[in-house]
Amino acid sequence: KRDGWYYILAPAGGVTEGWQTVLRSRNIFGPYEDKVVLHQGNTAVNGPHQGALVDTPAGEWWFVHFQDAGVYGRVVHLQPVEWRDGWPLMGDINGGMAPGQPVLRHRKPNLATARMAAPATSDEFSSSRLGLQWQWHANHQGDWHSLSARPGWLRLFAFPQPALDRTPHLLLQKFPARQFTVDTCVDLAGGKVGAEAGLTIVGRVCAAIALRRTEFGAEVIYRKAGEQILMECRAAVRSLRVSVSAGGLCEFAYADATGKWIGVPPSFQAEAGVWIGAKAGLFALGHGHADFDYFRFGALS
């Protein structure tokens, strides 16, 4: 409620192409009149809607909303708000006309000075707890991992699952950039014969590069949308990589005994999950456990 008006903020038009509507009435029970206050306009910010209208101690108003970016999930935007004739007009309002459209650059809110920070991404597994950048594929169970069993390493305990995309104990992160690489090093010495552990990209379809334990050591395998491709036999500790280019095209690779990266064809096109973007992460299947030394994001060369 503001200045005698009751307001309802309503997202409309669908996830990818929607817009933000505001309804207002002098009576909380209505009737309400409505106005579209933010839409894509001629910007690249599709579907700017569904968020929060907030004010600051300095008297400024802002609107936080998302943009559906496919494999990159929902990107958060911040729009300036101006009140005109009792309506909160958002973004670039073109001389006071509604609807506004998203601004791509704007001064920051007038708030107390704060330390510049970015969300955590890479992990050396040197802490006693997983960082906030991690999320499990399903409700977490306490016996899925350990950071103390082998200090400086992440231990994932393997459980048998029929399909990677149905595996609840995947440890995942959202894509942190439009293009990037992820490197990890896995030790499968604790896995039983048939155990498998490695690096995965997860969405509506999944792909992974992994080590699989055999009677004679470990072999490198590549999973792509349910298909399994055997690469070759390798030692028990090996570096794995996925390179993600703009649009979510993924190239998997592993390091040979000399440290040379060997690409694994074919490439894999990541797809968004249901209501979420694609994710990158680690897994262990079968019986026993796998240890991971690090999980490092880097720039795509």
C-alpha atoms as a PDB file:
ATOM      1  CA  LYS A   1       0.000   0.000   0.000  1.00  0.00           C
ATOM      2  CA  ARG A   2       1.355   3.433  -0.944  1.00  0.00           C
ATOM      3  CA  ASP A   3      -0.334   6.861  -0.886  1.00  0.00           C
ATOM      4  CA  GLY A   4      -3.757   5.301  -0.385  1.00  0.00           C
ATOM      5  CA  TRP A   5      -3.393   2.811  -3.240  1.00  0.00           C
ATOM      6  CA  TYR A   6      -3.190  -0.976  -2.956  1.00  0.00           C
ATOM      7  CA  TYR A   7      -0.828  -2.531  -5.511  1.00  0.00           C
ATOM      8  CA  ILE A   8      -0.498  -6.051  -6.878  1.00  0.00           C
ATOM      9  CA  LEU A   9       2.568  -6.881  -8.983  1.00  0.00           C
ATOM     10  CA  ALA A  10       1.769  -9.638 -11.453  1.00  0.00           C
ATOM     11  CA  PRO A  11       4.113 -11.362 -13.918  1.00  0.00           C
ATOM     12  CA  ALA A  12       2.369 -12.083 -17.192  1.00  0.00           C
ATOM     13  CA  GLY A  13       2.958 -13.458 -20.676  1.00  0.00           C
ATOM     14  CA  GLY A  14       5.079 -16.541 -19.975  1.00  0.00           C
ATOM     15  CA  VAL A  15       8.612 -17.265 -18.815  1.00  0.00           C
ATOM     16  CA  THR A  16      10.627 -16.429 -21.931  1.00  0.00           C
ATOM     17  CA  GLU A  17       8.555 -13.644 -23.477  1.00  0.00           C
ATOM     18  CA  GLY A  18       6.647 -12.181 -20.546  1.00  0.00           C
ATOM     19  CA  TRP A  19       6.223  -8.686 -19.116  1.00  0.00           C
ATOM     20  CA  GLN A  20       5.495  -7.048 -15.764  1.00  0.00           C
ATOM     21  CA  THR A  21       2.008  -5.847 -14.921  1.00  0.00           C
ATOM     22  CA  VAL A  22       0.924  -3.721 -11.960  1.00  0.00           C
ATOM     23  CA  LEU A  23      -2.670  -3.546 -10.708  1.00  0.00           C
ATOM     24  CA  ARG A  24      -3.948  -0.901  -8.295  1.00  0.00           C
ATOM     25  CA  SER A  25      -7.104  -0.016  -6.403  1.00  0.00           C
ATOM     26  CA  ARG A  26      -8.202   2.305  -3.604  1.00  0.00           C
ATOM     27  CA  ASN A  27      -9.988  -0.695  -2.048  1.00  0.00           C
ATOM     28  CA  ILE A  28      -8.064  -3.841  -1.250  1.00  0.00           C
ATOM     29  CA  PHE A  29     -11.003  -5.893  -2.563  1.00  0.00           C
ATOM     30  CA  GLY A  30     -11.030  -4.011  -5.862  1.00  0.00           C
ATOM     31  CA  PRO A  31     -11.975  -3.403  -8.537  1.00  0.00           C
ATOM     32  CA  TYR A  32      -8.389  -3.022  -9.849  1.00  0.00           C
ATOM     33  CA  GLU A  33      -7.070  -1.225 -12.894  1.00  0.00           C
ATOM     34  CA  ASP A  34      -3.908  -2.521 -14.546  1.00  0.00           C
ATOM     35  CA  LYS A  35      -0.907  -1.250 -16.478  1.00  0.00           C
ATOM     36  CA  VAL A  36       2.055  -2.962 -18.150  1.00  0.00           C
ATOM     37  CA  VAL A  37       5.088  -1.217 -16.638  1.00  0.00           C
ATOM     38  CA  LEU A  38       8.025  -3.227 -18.082  1.00  0.00           C
ATOM     39  CA  HIS A  39       8.531  -5.232 -21.276  1.00  0.00           C
ATOM     40  CA  GLN A  40      11.386  -6.293 -23.544  1.00  0.00           C
ATOM     41  CA  GLY A  41      11.002  -3.405 -25.950  1.00  0.00           C
ATOM     42  CA  ASN A  42      13.913  -3.215 -28.373  1.00  0.00           C
ATOM     43  CA  THR A  43      16.419  -4.715 -25.918  1.00  0.00           C
ATOM     44  CA  ALA A  44      17.959  -8.181 -25.746  1.00  0.00           C
ATOM     45  CA  VAL A  45      16.509  -8.744 -22.263  1.00  0.00           C
ATOM     46  CA  ASN A  46      13.639 -11.111 -22.998  1.00  0.00           C
ATOM     47  CA  GLY A  47      10.796 -11.679 -20.545  1.00  0.00           C
ATOM     48  CA  PRO A  48      11.687  -9.026 -17.923  1.00  0.00           C
ATOM     49  CA  HIS A  49       9.225  -9.835 -15.153  1.00  0.00           C
ATOM     50  CA  GLN A  50       8.590 -11.725 -11.891  1.00  0.00           C
ATOM     51  CA  GLY A  51      10.542 -10.158  -9.082  1.00  0.00           C
ATOM     52  CA  ALA A  52      10.374  -7.650  -6.241  1.00  0.00           C
ATOM     53  CA  LEU A  53       9.670  -3.940  -5.915  1.00  0.00           C
ATOM     54  CA  VAL A  54      11.949  -2.504  -3.197  1.00  0.00           C
ATOM     55  CA  ASP A  55      12.782   0.880  -1.747  1.00  0.00           C
ATOM     56  CA  THR A  56      15.977   2.085  -0.072  1.00  0.00           C
ATOM     57  CA  PRO A  57      16.592   4.289   2.994  1.00  0.00           C
ATOM     58  CA  ALA A  58      17.531   7.091   0.574  1.00  0.00           C
ATOM     59  CA  GLY A  59      14.012   6.990  -0.908  1.00  0.00           C
ATOM     60  CA  GLU A  60      14.950   5.298  -4.196  1.00  0.00           C
ATOM     61  CA  TRP A  61      12.810   2.558  -5.727  1.00  0.00           C
ATOM     62  CA  TRP A  62      14.096  -0.432  -7.696  1.00  0.00           C
ATOM     63  CA  PHE A  63      12.701  -3.551  -9.309  1.00  0.00           C
ATOM     64  CA  VAL A  64      14.538  -6.884  -9.259  1.00  0.00           C
ATOM     65  CA  HIS A  65      13.485  -9.336 -11.963  1.00  0.00           C
ATOM     66  CA  PHE A  66      14.752 -12.280 -13.967  1.00  0.00           C
ATOM     67  CA  GLN A  67      15.541 -12.975 -17.591  1.00  0.00           C
ATOM     68  CA  ASP A  68      15.238 -16.549 -18.820  1.00  0.00           C
ATOM     69  CA  ALA A  69      18.554 -17.298 -20.529  1.00  0.00           C
ATOM     70  CA  GLY A  70      18.101 -20.943 -21.508  1.00  0.00           C
ATOM     71  CA  VAL A  71      21.068 -23.085 -20.475  1.00  0.00           C
ATOM     72  CA  TYR A  72      22.327 -20.197 -18.340  1.00  0.00           C
ATOM     73  CA  GLY A  73      19.229 -20.253 -16.157  1.00  0.00           C
ATOM     74  CA  ARG A  74      17.527 -17.115 -14.909  1.00  0.00           C
ATOM     75  CA  VAL A  75      19.743 -14.039 -14.937  1.00  0.00           C
ATOM     76  CA  VAL A  76      18.947 -11.375 -12.332  1.00  0.00           C
ATOM     77  CA  HIS A  77      18.473  -7.734 -13.406  1.00  0.00           C
ATOM     78  CA  LEU A  78      17.978  -4.536 -11.423  1.00  0.00           C
ATOM     79  CA  GLN A  79      15.818  -1.751 -12.869  1.00  0.00           C
ATOM     80  CA  PRO A  80      15.364   1.821 -11.627  1.00  0.00           C
ATOM     81  CA  VAL A  81      11.769   2.770 -10.789  1.00  0.00           C
ATOM     82  CA  GLU A  82      10.050   6.154 -11.083  1.00  0.00           C
ATOM     83  CA  TRP A  83       6.588   6.821  -9.680  1.00  0.00           C
ATOM     84  CA  ARG A  84       4.455   8.689 -12.232  1.00  0.00           C
ATOM     85  CA  ASP A  85       0.759   9.406 -11.642  1.00  0.00           C
ATOM     86  CA  GLY A  86       0.669   6.706  -8.983  1.00  0.00           C
ATOM     87  CA  TRP A  87       2.291   3.991 -11.124  1.00  0.00           C
ATOM     88  CA  PRO A  88       5.774   2.446 -10.585  1.00  0.00           C
ATOM     89  CA  LEU A  89       7.331   2.749 -14.053  1.00  0.00           C
ATOM     90  CA  MET A  90      10.401   0.585 -14.514  1.00  0.00           C
ATOM     91  CA  GLY A  91      13.634   0.722 -16.486  1.00  0.00           C
ATOM     92  CA  ASP A  92      13.986   3.162 -19.386  1.00  0.00           C
ATOM     93  CA  ILE A  93      10.563   4.816 -19.387  1.00  0.00           C
ATOM     94  CA  ASN A  94      11.132   6.913 -22.540  1.00  0.00           C
ATOM     95  CA  GLY A  95      10.155  10.274 -21.162  1.00  0.00           C
ATOM     96  CA  GLY A  96       7.648   8.945 -18.654  1.00  0.00           C
ATOM     97  CA  MET A  97       5.665   6.658 -20.916  1.00  0.00           C
ATOM     98  CA  ALA A  98       4.779   3.073 -19.992  1.00  0.00           C
ATOM     99  CA  PRO A  99       5.757   0.395 -20.462  1.00  0.00           C
ATOM    100  CA  GLY A 100       9.465   0.857 -19.793  1.00  0.00           C
ATOM    101  CA  GLN A 101      12.194  -1.393 -21.109  1.00  0.00           C
ATOM    102  CA  PRO A 102      15.261  -2.821 -19.334  1.00  0.00           C
ATOM    103  CA  VAL A 103      18.355  -0.656 -18.942  1.00  0.00           C
ATOM    104  CA  LEU A 104      21.657  -2.350 -19.760  1.00  0.00           C
ATOM    105  CA  ARG A 105      23.811   0.089 -17.764  1.00  0.00           C
ATOM    106  CA  HIS A 106      22.802   2.363 -14.895  1.00  0.00           C
ATOM    107  CA  ARG A 107      24.268   3.950 -11.807  1.00  0.00           C
ATOM    108  CA  LYS A 108      24.174   1.845  -8.661  1.00  0.00           C
ATOM    109  CA  PRO A 109      21.603   2.373  -5.899  1.00  0.00           C
ATOM    110  CA  ASN A 110      22.503   5.027  -3.336  1.00  0.00           C
ATOM    111  CA  LEU A 111      23.480   2.665  -0.530  1.00  0.00           C
ATOM    112  CA  ALA A 112      26.258   2.383   2.023  1.00  0.00           C
ATOM    113  CA  THR A 113      29.624   1.405   0.556  1.00  0.00           C
ATOM    114  CA  ALA A 114      30.047  -2.369   0.460  1.00  0.00           C
ATOM    115  CA  ARG A 115      32.837  -4.702  -0.497  1.00  0.00           C
ATOM    116  CA  MET A 116      32.829  -5.800  -4.124  1.00  0.00           C
ATOM    117  CA  ALA A 117      32.160  -9.527  -4.326  1.00  0.00           C
ATOM    118  CA  ALA A 118      31.275 -12.227  -6.798  1.00  0.00           C
ATOM    119  CA  PRO A 119      29.633 -15.611  -6.161  1.00  0.00           C
ATOM    120  CA  ALA A 120      32.064 -18.433  -5.381  1.00  0.00           C
ATOM    121  CA  THR A 121      32.759 -20.887  -8.206  1.00  0.00           C
ATOM    122  CA  SER A 122      36.021 -22.883  -8.114  1.00  0.00           C
ATOM    123  CA  ASP A 123      36.666 -25.113  -5.112  1.00  0.00           C
ATOM    124  CA  GLU A 124      39.890 -26.671  -3.801  1.00  0.00           C
ATOM    125  CA  PHE A 125      37.889 -28.619  -1.190  1.00  0.00           C
ATOM    126  CA  SER A 126      40.059 -27.284   1.620  1.00  0.00           C
ATOM    127  CA  SER A 127      37.106 -26.263   3.820  1.00  0.00           C
ATOM    128  CA  SER A 128      35.178 -28.412   6.277  1.00  0.00           C
ATOM    129  CA  ARG A 129      31.898 -27.557   4.504  1.00  0.00           C
ATOM    130  CA  LEU A 130      30.799 -27.293   0.915  1.00  0.00           C
ATOM    131  CA  GLY A 131      30.544 -23.724  -0.379  1.00  0.00           C
ATOM    132  CA  LEU A 132      27.225 -22.063  -1.131  1.00  0.00           C
ATOM    133  CA  GLN A 133      27.844 -22.394  -4.882  1.00  0.00           C
ATOM    134  CA  TRP A 134      27.088 -26.119  -4.694  1.00  0.00           C
ATOM    135  CA  GLN A 135      23.703 -27.786  -4.880  1.00  0.00           C
ATOM    136  CA  TRP A 136      22.636 -31.416  -4.956  1.00  0.00           C
ATOM    137  CA  HIS A 137      20.416 -32.795  -7.679  1.00  0.00           C
ATOM    138  CA  ALA A 138      17.881 -33.912  -5.046  1.00  0.00           C
ATOM    139  CA  ASN A 139      17.322 -33.623  -1.310  1.00  0.00           C
ATOM    140  CA  HIS A 140      20.703 -34.169   0.323  1.00  0.00           C
ATOM    141  CA  GLN A 141      21.545 -37.225   2.419  1.00  0.00           C
ATOM    142  CA  GLY A 142      24.358 -37.090   4.963  1.00  0.00           C
ATOM    143  CA  ASP A 143      26.156 -40.159   3.601  1.00  0.00           C
ATOM    144  CA  TRP A 144      26.654 -38.771   0.091  1.00  0.00           C
ATOM    145  CA  HIS A 145      29.977 -37.002   0.677  1.00  0.00           C
ATOM    146  CA  SER A 146      32.823 -36.220   3.070  1.00  0.00           C
ATOM    147  CA  LEU A 147      35.392 -33.423   3.237  1.00  0.00           C
ATOM    148  CA  SER A 148      37.225 -34.944   6.209  1.00  0.00           C
ATOM    149  CA  ALA A 149      37.860 -38.523   5.089  1.00  0.00           C
ATOM    150  CA  ARG A 150      40.767 -37.287   2.936  1.00  0.00           C
ATOM    151  CA  PRO A 151      41.633 -33.692   3.860  1.00  0.00           C
ATOM    152  CA  GLY A 152      41.953 -31.411   0.839  1.00  0.00           C
ATOM    153  CA  TRP A 153      39.808 -33.730  -1.285  1.00  0.00           C
ATOM    154  CA  LEU A 154      36.081 -34.170  -1.770  1.00  0.00           C
ATOM    155  CA  ARG A 155      34.954 -37.759  -1.307  1.00  0.00           C
ATOM    156  CA  LEU A 156      31.751 -38.767  -3.082  1.00  0.00           C
ATOM    157  CA  PHE A 157      30.278 -42.102  -2.084  1.00  0.00           C
ATOM    158  CA  ALA A 158      29.020 -44.135  -5.010  1.00  0.00           C
ATOM    159  CA  PHE A 159      25.493 -45.483  -5.239  1.00  0.00           C
ATOM    160  CA  PRO A 160      24.101 -47.635  -8.063  1.00  0.00           C
ATOM    161  CA  GLN A 161      21.749 -45.763 -10.390  1.00  0.00           C
ATOM    162  CA  PRO A 162      20.273 -46.844 -13.732  1.00  0.00           C
ATOM    163  CA  ALA A 163      20.730 -43.473 -15.460  1.00  0.00           C
ATOM    164  CA  LEU A 164      22.806 -40.379 -14.792  1.00  0.00           C
ATOM    165  CA  ASP A 165      19.886 -37.953 -15.181  1.00  0.00           C
ATOM    166  CA  ARG A 166      17.966 -39.906 -12.526  1.00  0.00           C
ATOM    167  CA  THR A 167      20.822 -39.794 -10.032  1.00  0.00           C
ATOM    168  CA  PRO A 168      19.955 -37.757  -6.904  1.00  0.00           C
ATOM    169  CA  HIS A 169      23.500 -37.466  -5.487  1.00  0.00           C
ATOM    170  CA  LEU A 170      24.974 -35.321  -8.273  1.00  0.00           C
ATOM    171  CA  LEU A 171      26.922 -32.354  -6.872  1.00  0.00           C
ATOM    172  CA  LEU A 172      26.322 -29.426  -9.223  1.00  0.00           C
ATOM    173  CA  GLN A 173      26.790 -25.721  -9.910  1.00  0.00           C
ATOM    174  CA  LYS A 174      24.967 -23.328 -12.189  1.00  0.00           C
ATOM    175  CA  PHE A 175      26.849 -22.116 -15.260  1.00  0.00           C
ATOM    176  CA  PRO A 176      28.821 -19.059 -14.027  1.00  0.00           C
ATOM    177  CA  ALA A 177      29.475 -17.424 -17.415  1.00  0.00           C
ATOM    178  CA  ARG A 178      28.545 -17.568 -21.093  1.00  0.00           C
ATOM    179  CA  GLN A 179      31.682 -19.576 -21.848  1.00  0.00           C
ATOM    180  CA  PHE A 180      34.191 -21.266 -19.575  1.00  0.00           C
ATOM    181  CA  THR A 181      36.161 -24.428 -18.804  1.00  0.00           C
ATOM    182  CA  VAL A 182      35.952 -26.763 -15.815  1.00  0.00           C
ATOM    183  CA  ASP A 183      38.833 -28.984 -14.735  1.00  0.00           C
ATOM    184  CA  THR A 184      38.842 -31.675 -12.085  1.00  0.00           C
ATOM    185  CA  CYS A 185      41.093 -34.507 -10.944  1.00  0.00           C
ATOM    186  CA  VAL A 186      39.510 -37.766  -9.790  1.00  0.00           C
ATOM    187  CA  ASP A 187      41.033 -40.659  -7.866  1.00  0.00           C
ATOM    188  CA  LEU A 188      38.939 -43.800  -8.286  1.00  0.00           C
ATOM    189  CA  ALA A 189      41.182 -46.081  -6.196  1.00  0.00           C
ATOM    190  CA  GLY A 190      38.364 -46.447  -3.650  1.00  0.00           C
ATOM    191  CA  GLY A 191      35.843 -47.614  -6.202  1.00  0.00           C
ATOM    192  CA  LYS A 192      34.764 -51.222  -6.635  1.00  0.00           C
ATOM    193  CA  VAL A 193      34.812 -52.886 -10.048  1.00  0.00           C
ATOM    194  CA  GLY A 194      32.194 -51.162 -12.189  1.00  0.00           C
ATOM    195  CA  ALA A 195      32.271 -47.917 -10.184  1.00  0.00           C
ATOM    196  CA  GLU A 196      32.312 -44.741 -12.219  1.00  0.00           C
ATOM    197  CA  ALA A 197      33.146 -41.132 -11.321  1.00  0.00           C
ATOM    198  CA  GLY A 198      33.754 -37.939 -13.228  1.00  0.00           C
ATOM    199  CA  LEU A 199      32.560 -34.646 -14.616  1.00  0.00           C
ATOM    200  CA  THR A 200      29.045 -34.041 -15.934  1.00  0.00           C
ATOM    201  CA  ILE A 201      26.793 -31.482 -17.617  1.00  0.00           C
ATOM    202  CA  VAL A 202      23.169 -31.882 -16.543  1.00  0.00           C
ATOM    203  CA  GLY A 203      19.911 -30.569 -17.992  1.00  0.00           C
ATOM    204  CA  ARG A 204      17.043 -32.168 -19.891  1.00  0.00           C
ATOM    205  CA  VAL A 205      19.770 -34.387 -21.320  1.00  0.00           C
ATOM    206  CA  CYS A 206      23.109 -35.223 -19.724  1.00  0.00           C
ATOM    207  CA  ALA A 207      26.671 -35.886 -20.790  1.00  0.00           C
ATOM    208  CA  ALA A 208      29.749 -36.849 -18.804  1.00  0.00           C
ATOM    209  CA  ILE A 209      33.363 -37.896 -18.992  1.00  0.00           C
ATOM    210  CA  ALA A 210      34.391 -40.356 -16.313  1.00  0.00           C
ATOM    211  CA  LEU A 211      36.724 -43.034 -15.083  1.00  0.00           C
ATOM    212  CA  ARG A 212      35.259 -46.523 -14.697  1.00  0.00           C
ATOM    213  CA  ARG A 213      36.913 -49.098 -12.466  1.00  0.00           C
ATOM    214  CA  THR A 214      37.855 -52.428 -14.052  1.00  0.00           C
ATOM    215  CA  GLU A 215      39.683 -55.494 -12.812  1.00  0.00           C
ATOM    216  CA  PHE A 216      42.846 -54.073 -14.378  1.00  0.00           C
ATOM    217  CA  GLY A 217      42.656 -50.417 -13.350  1.00  0.00           C
ATOM    218  CA  ALA A 218      40.486 -47.688 -14.812  1.00  0.00           C
ATOM    219  CA  GLU A 219      39.145 -46.827 -18.247  1.00  0.00           C
ATOM    220  CA  VAL A 220      37.943 -43.520 -19.634  1.00  0.00           C
ATOM    221  CA  ILE A 221      34.357 -43.467 -20.828  1.00  0.00           C
ATOM    222  CA  TYR A 222      32.177 -40.758 -22.337  1.00  0.00           C
ATOM    223  CA  ARG A 223      28.440 -40.649 -21.747  1.00  0.00           C
ATOM    224  CA  LYS A 224      26.199 -38.657 -24.081  1.00  0.00           C
ATOM    225  CA  ALA A 225      22.405 -38.716 -23.772  1.00  0.00           C
ATOM    226  CA  GLY A 226      22.439 -42.312 -22.519  1.00  0.00           C
ATOM    227  CA  GLU A 227      25.051 -43.564 -25.004  1.00  0.00           C
ATOM    228  CA  GLN A 228      28.373 -44.828 -23.598  1.00  0.00           C
ATOM    229  CA  ILE A 229      31.626 -44.584 -25.559  1.00  0.00           C
ATOM    230  CA  LEU A 230      34.756 -46.336 -24.267  1.00  0.00           C
ATOM    231  CA  MET A 231      37.878 -44.248 -24.853  1.00  0.00           C
ATOM    232  CA  GLU A 232      40.846 -46.225 -23.499  1.00  0.00           C
ATOM    233  CA  CYS A 233      42.447 -47.575 -20.346  1.00  0.00           C
ATOM    234  CA  ARG A 234      44.187 -45.110 -18.064  1.00  0.00           C
ATOM    235  CA  ALA A 235      45.678 -44.842 -14.570  1.00  0.00           C
ATOM    236  CA  ALA A 236      43.486 -44.434 -11.482  1.00  0.00           C
ATOM    237  CA  VAL A 237      44.062 -40.679 -11.052  1.00  0.00           C
ATOM    238  CA  ARG A 238      43.335 -38.556 -14.096  1.00  0.00           C
ATOM    239  CA  SER A 239      42.396 -34.988 -14.997  1.00  0.00           C
ATOM    240  CA  LEU A 240      39.098 -34.358 -16.765  1.00  0.00           C
ATOM    241  CA  ARG A 241      37.797 -31.236 -18.487  1.00  0.00           C
ATOM    242  CA  VAL A 242      34.730 -29.790 -20.149  1.00  0.00           C
ATOM    243  CA  SER A 243      34.875 -26.620 -22.256  1.00  0.00           C
ATOM    244  CA  VAL A 244      31.602 -24.742 -22.688  1.00  0.00           C
ATOM    245  CA  SER A 245      31.350 -22.210 -25.514  1.00  0.00           C
ATOM    246  CA  ALA A 246      28.678 -19.548 -26.032  1.00  0.00           C
ATOM    247  CA  GLY A 247      25.259 -21.148 -26.335  1.00  0.00           C
ATOM    248  CA  GLY A 248      26.203 -24.159 -24.216  1.00  0.00           C
ATOM    249  CA  LEU A 249      28.151 -26.280 -26.731  1.00  0.00           C
ATOM    250  CA  CYS A 250      30.318 -28.638 -24.648  1.00  0.00           C
ATOM    251  CA  GLU A 251      33.603 -30.331 -25.549  1.00  0.00           C
ATOM    252  CA  PHE A 252      34.891 -32.980 -23.140  1.00  0.00           C
ATOM    253  CA  ALA A 253      38.544 -33.988 -22.748  1.00  0.00           C
ATOM    254  CA  TYR A 254      40.944 -35.932 -20.526  1.00  0.00           C
ATOM    255  CA  ALA A 255      44.676 -35.652 -19.882  1.00  0.00           C
ATOM    256  CA  ASP A 256      47.060 -38.431 -20.916  1.00  0.00           C
ATOM    257  CA  ALA A 257      50.159 -39.498 -18.992  1.00  0.00           C
ATOM    258  CA  THR A 258      52.125 -36.507 -20.353  1.00  0.00           C
ATOM    259  CA  GLY A 259      49.435 -33.991 -19.361  1.00  0.00           C
ATOM    260  CA  LYS A 260      48.296 -33.458 -22.946  1.00  0.00           C
ATOM    261  CA  TRP A 261      44.556 -32.865 -23.306  1.00  0.00           C
ATOM    262  CA  ILE A 262      42.785 -35.306 -25.624  1.00  0.00           C
ATOM    263  CA  GLY A 263      39.374 -34.237 -26.895  1.00  0.00           C
ATOM    264  CA  VAL A 264      36.436 -36.612 -26.834  1.00  0.00           C
ATOM    265  CA  PRO A 265      34.108 -36.450 -29.845  1.00  0.00           C
ATOM    266  CA  PRO A 266      31.317 -35.828 -30.486  1.00  0.00           C
ATOM    267  CA  SER A 267      30.458 -32.453 -28.949  1.00  0.00           C
ATOM    268  CA  PHE A 268      27.422 -32.131 -26.714  1.00  0.00           C
ATOM    269  CA  GLN A 269      24.798 -29.374 -26.783  1.00  0.00           C
ATOM    270  CA  ALA A 270      23.706 -28.571 -23.254  1.00  0.00           C
ATOM    271  CA  GLU A 271      19.994 -28.046 -22.681  1.00  0.00           C
ATOM    272  CA  ALA A 272      18.208 -26.269 -19.883  1.00  0.00           C
ATOM    273  CA  GLY A 273      16.561 -28.387 -17.239  1.00  0.00           C
ATOM    274  CA  VAL A 274      12.905 -28.091 -16.236  1.00  0.00           C
ATOM    275  CA  TRP A 275      12.480 -24.490 -14.991  1.00  0.00           C
ATOM    276  CA  ILE A 276      16.260 -24.232 -14.502  1.00  0.00           C
ATOM    277  CA  GLY A 277      19.392 -23.827 -16.594  1.00  0.00           C
ATOM    278  CA  ALA A 278      22.040 -26.447 -17.215  1.00  0.00           C
ATOM    279  CA  LYS A 279      24.583 -27.291 -14.515  1.00  0.00           C
ATOM    280  CA  ALA A 280      28.131 -28.620 -14.293  1.00  0.00           C
ATOM    281  CA  GLY A 281      29.312 -30.915 -11.555  1.00  0.00           C
ATOM    282  CA  LEU A 282      30.657 -34.175 -10.185  1.00  0.00           C
ATOM    283  CA  PHE A 283      29.281 -37.653  -9.640  1.00  0.00           C
ATOM    284  CA  ALA A 284      30.120 -41.170  -8.456  1.00  0.00           C
ATOM    285  CA  LEU A 285      28.104 -44.274  -9.373  1.00  0.00           C
ATOM    286  CA  GLY A 286      28.329 -47.934  -8.418  1.00  0.00           C
ATOM    287  CA  HIS A 287      29.974 -49.030  -5.162  1.00  0.00           C
ATOM    288  CA  GLY A 288      32.828 -47.634  -3.096  1.00  0.00           C
ATOM    289  CA  HIS A 289      33.898 -44.010  -3.350  1.00  0.00           C
ATOM    290  CA  ALA A 290      35.754 -41.503  -5.516  1.00  0.00           C
ATOM    291  CA  ASP A 291      37.953 -38.599  -4.401  1.00  0.00           C
ATOM    292  CA  PHE A 292      38.161 -35.248  -6.212  1.00  0.00           C
ATOM    293  CA  ASP A 293      41.159 -32.952  -5.692  1.00  0.00           C
ATOM    294  CA  TYR A 294      39.590 -29.743  -7.056  1.00  0.00           C
ATOM    295  CA  PHE A 295      36.890 -28.228  -9.247  1.00  0.00           C
ATOM    296  CA  ARG A 296      38.270 -25.226 -11.182  1.00  0.00           C
ATOM    297  CA  PHE A 297      36.539 -22.838 -13.539  1.00  0.00           C
ATOM    298  CA  GLY A 298      38.716 -21.080 -16.106  1.00  0.00           C
ATOM    299  CA  ALA A 299      38.488 -18.905 -19.180  1.00  0.00           C
ATOM    300  CA  LEU A 300      37.805 -20.541 -22.509  1.00  0.00           C
ATOM    301  CA  SER A 301      40.901 -20.081 -24.697  1.00  0.00           C
END
